[in-house]
Amino acid sequence: MTYPMTIVDTIFKALAPAIPDRVIRRPPTLILLASSFHGINESTSEFFIGSFGATGAGGLGRQK
């Protein structure tokens, strides 16, 4: 999702000077990044999957 959101952010920033009262503002796209990991638990021989990091952005607002 990082690439499509970056494209949308770029379009919004380009439109902001022309229609500032109608363009939404979002936090930077980079906060959408997260890391994942997986492996085998050596004590139980079970497979595990995990992830951490921010998985979404905050609320929307108007450009000022």
N, C-alpha and C. Protein backbone atom coordinates (compact mmCIF):
# COMPACT_ATOMS: atom_id res chain seq x y z
N MET A 1 0.80 -1.21 0.00
CA MET A 1 0.00 0.00 0.00
C MET A 1 0.84 1.28 0.00
N THR A 2 2.12 1.17 0.30
CA THR A 2 2.93 2.38 0.40
C THR A 2 3.00 3.12 -0.93
N TYR A 3 3.19 2.41 -2.04
CA TYR A 3 3.31 3.08 -3.33
C TYR A 3 2.01 3.77 -3.75
N PRO A 4 0.86 3.09 -3.69
CA PRO A 4 -0.38 3.80 -4.07
C PRO A 4 -0.66 5.01 -3.18
N MET A 5 -0.39 4.90 -1.88
CA MET A 5 -0.65 6.02 -0.99
C MET A 5 0.29 7.19 -1.29
N THR A 6 1.53 6.90 -1.69
CA THR A 6 2.45 7.97 -2.07
C THR A 6 1.95 8.70 -3.31
N ILE A 7 1.42 7.95 -4.25
CA ILE A 7 0.87 8.57 -5.47
C ILE A 7 -0.32 9.46 -5.12
N VAL A 8 -1.21 8.98 -4.26
CA VAL A 8 -2.37 9.77 -3.84
C VAL A 8 -1.91 11.03 -3.11
N ASP A 9 -0.93 10.89 -2.20
CA ASP A 9 -0.40 12.06 -1.50
C ASP A 9 0.16 13.10 -2.47
N THR A 10 0.86 12.64 -3.49
CA THR A 10 1.45 13.54 -4.48
C THR A 10 0.36 14.30 -5.25
N ILE A 11 -0.69 13.60 -5.61
CA ILE A 11 -1.81 14.25 -6.31
C ILE A 11 -2.47 15.29 -5.42
N PHE A 12 -2.71 14.95 -4.15
CA PHE A 12 -3.32 15.91 -3.22
C PHE A 12 -2.44 17.15 -3.06
N LYS A 13 -1.13 16.95 -2.93
CA LYS A 13 -0.22 18.10 -2.77
C LYS A 13 -0.22 18.97 -4.02
N ALA A 14 -0.34 18.36 -5.19
CA ALA A 14 -0.36 19.13 -6.43
C ALA A 14 -1.66 19.94 -6.56
N LEU A 15 -2.76 19.40 -6.06
CA LEU A 15 -4.05 20.09 -6.15
C LEU A 15 -4.23 21.16 -5.07
N ALA A 16 -3.51 21.06 -3.97
CA ALA A 16 -3.71 21.96 -2.82
C ALA A 16 -3.65 23.45 -3.17
N PRO A 17 -2.69 23.91 -3.98
CA PRO A 17 -2.67 25.34 -4.30
C PRO A 17 -3.91 25.82 -5.07
N ALA A 18 -4.47 24.96 -5.89
CA ALA A 18 -5.63 25.34 -6.71
C ALA A 18 -6.95 25.29 -5.94
N ILE A 19 -7.09 24.27 -5.07
CA ILE A 19 -8.34 24.11 -4.31
C ILE A 19 -8.03 23.77 -2.84
N PRO A 20 -7.42 24.69 -2.11
CA PRO A 20 -6.97 24.40 -0.75
C PRO A 20 -8.09 24.04 0.22
N ASP A 21 -9.29 24.51 -0.02
CA ASP A 21 -10.40 24.22 0.89
C ASP A 21 -11.05 22.87 0.62
N ARG A 22 -10.63 22.17 -0.44
CA ARG A 22 -11.25 20.88 -0.79
C ARG A 22 -10.29 19.71 -0.75
N VAL A 23 -9.01 19.96 -0.49
CA VAL A 23 -8.00 18.89 -0.49
C VAL A 23 -7.75 18.42 0.93
N ILE A 24 -7.81 17.10 1.16
CA ILE A 24 -7.55 16.57 2.49
C ILE A 24 -6.05 16.50 2.74
N ARG A 25 -5.67 16.49 3.99
CA ARG A 25 -4.26 16.39 4.38
C ARG A 25 -4.10 15.13 5.23
N ARG A 26 -3.06 14.38 4.97
CA ARG A 26 -2.78 13.15 5.72
C ARG A 26 -1.37 13.20 6.29
N PRO A 27 -1.11 12.35 7.29
CA PRO A 27 0.27 12.22 7.76
C PRO A 27 1.14 11.60 6.66
N PRO A 28 2.45 11.67 6.77
CA PRO A 28 3.32 11.07 5.75
C PRO A 28 3.06 9.58 5.56
N THR A 29 3.19 9.12 4.33
CA THR A 29 2.93 7.73 3.99
C THR A 29 3.89 6.77 4.67
N LEU A 30 5.07 7.21 4.98
CA LEU A 30 6.07 6.30 5.54
C LEU A 30 5.64 5.63 6.83
N ILE A 31 4.68 6.19 7.55
CA ILE A 31 4.25 5.54 8.77
C ILE A 31 3.41 4.30 8.51
N LEU A 32 3.14 3.98 7.25
CA LEU A 32 2.43 2.76 6.92
C LEU A 32 3.33 1.54 6.93
N LEU A 33 4.62 1.74 7.02
CA LEU A 33 5.55 0.62 6.95
C LEU A 33 5.52 -0.22 8.22
N ALA A 34 5.67 -1.54 8.07
CA ALA A 34 5.73 -2.47 9.19
C ALA A 34 6.72 -3.57 8.84
N SER A 35 7.20 -4.27 9.84
CA SER A 35 8.12 -5.39 9.61
C SER A 35 7.46 -6.70 10.03
N SER A 36 7.76 -7.75 9.32
CA SER A 36 7.24 -9.08 9.63
C SER A 36 8.40 -10.05 9.84
N PHE A 37 8.13 -11.09 10.61
CA PHE A 37 9.15 -12.12 10.84
C PHE A 37 8.44 -13.46 11.03
N HIS A 38 9.19 -14.54 10.84
CA HIS A 38 8.63 -15.88 11.03
C HIS A 38 9.76 -16.84 11.39
N GLY A 39 9.38 -18.01 11.85
CA GLY A 39 10.39 -19.01 12.21
C GLY A 39 9.77 -20.20 12.90
N ILE A 40 10.63 -21.00 13.49
CA ILE A 40 10.22 -22.19 14.24
C ILE A 40 10.62 -22.00 15.69
N ASN A 41 9.67 -22.17 16.60
CA ASN A 41 9.98 -22.13 18.03
C ASN A 41 10.74 -23.40 18.38
N GLU A 42 11.99 -23.27 18.77
CA GLU A 42 12.83 -24.44 19.02
C GLU A 42 12.34 -25.32 20.17
N SER A 43 11.68 -24.74 21.15
CA SER A 43 11.22 -25.54 22.28
C SER A 43 9.93 -26.31 22.00
N THR A 44 9.09 -25.83 21.08
CA THR A 44 7.82 -26.50 20.78
C THR A 44 7.74 -27.02 19.35
N SER A 45 8.70 -26.67 18.50
CA SER A 45 8.72 -27.03 17.08
C SER A 45 7.53 -26.46 16.31
N GLU A 46 6.91 -25.39 16.83
CA GLU A 46 5.78 -24.77 16.15
C GLU A 46 6.26 -23.61 15.29
N PHE A 47 5.60 -23.45 14.15
CA PHE A 47 5.86 -22.34 13.25
C PHE A 47 5.17 -21.09 13.80
N PHE A 48 5.82 -19.94 13.70
CA PHE A 48 5.19 -18.69 14.14
C PHE A 48 5.40 -17.60 13.11
N ILE A 49 4.47 -16.66 13.10
CA ILE A 49 4.54 -15.47 12.25
C ILE A 49 4.24 -14.27 13.16
N GLY A 50 4.98 -13.20 13.00
CA GLY A 50 4.75 -12.00 13.80
C GLY A 50 5.03 -10.76 12.99
N SER A 51 4.57 -9.64 13.50
CA SER A 51 4.85 -8.36 12.86
C SER A 51 4.84 -7.26 13.90
N PHE A 52 5.48 -6.16 13.58
CA PHE A 52 5.48 -5.01 14.46
C PHE A 52 5.67 -3.75 13.64
N GLY A 53 5.35 -2.63 14.22
CA GLY A 53 5.46 -1.35 13.52
C GLY A 53 4.09 -0.76 13.29
N ALA A 54 4.09 0.47 12.86
CA ALA A 54 2.83 1.14 12.57
C ALA A 54 2.18 0.50 11.36
N THR A 55 0.89 0.26 11.43
CA THR A 55 0.19 -0.37 10.30
C THR A 55 -0.88 0.53 9.70
N GLY A 56 -0.92 1.78 10.11
CA GLY A 56 -1.92 2.68 9.55
C GLY A 56 -1.61 4.12 9.89
N ALA A 57 -2.36 5.00 9.32
CA ALA A 57 -2.15 6.43 9.54
C ALA A 57 -3.25 6.99 10.42
N GLY A 58 -3.04 8.20 10.87
CA GLY A 58 -4.04 8.88 11.71
C GLY A 58 -5.21 9.39 10.90
N GLY A 59 -5.97 10.26 11.51
CA GLY A 59 -7.17 10.80 10.86
C GLY A 59 -6.86 11.76 9.74
N LEU A 60 -7.89 12.11 9.02
CA LEU A 60 -7.76 13.04 7.90
C LEU A 60 -8.08 14.46 8.36
N GLY A 61 -7.58 15.41 7.63
CA GLY A 61 -7.86 16.81 7.95
C GLY A 61 -7.87 17.64 6.68
N ARG A 62 -8.13 18.89 6.81
CA ARG A 62 -8.11 19.79 5.65
C ARG A 62 -6.78 20.49 5.56
N GLN A 63 -6.33 20.74 4.33
CA GLN A 63 -5.10 21.49 4.07
C GLN A 63 -5.33 22.93 4.47
N LYS A 64 -4.40 23.54 5.18
CA LYS A 64 -4.53 24.96 5.54
C LYS A 64 -3.39 25.77 5.00
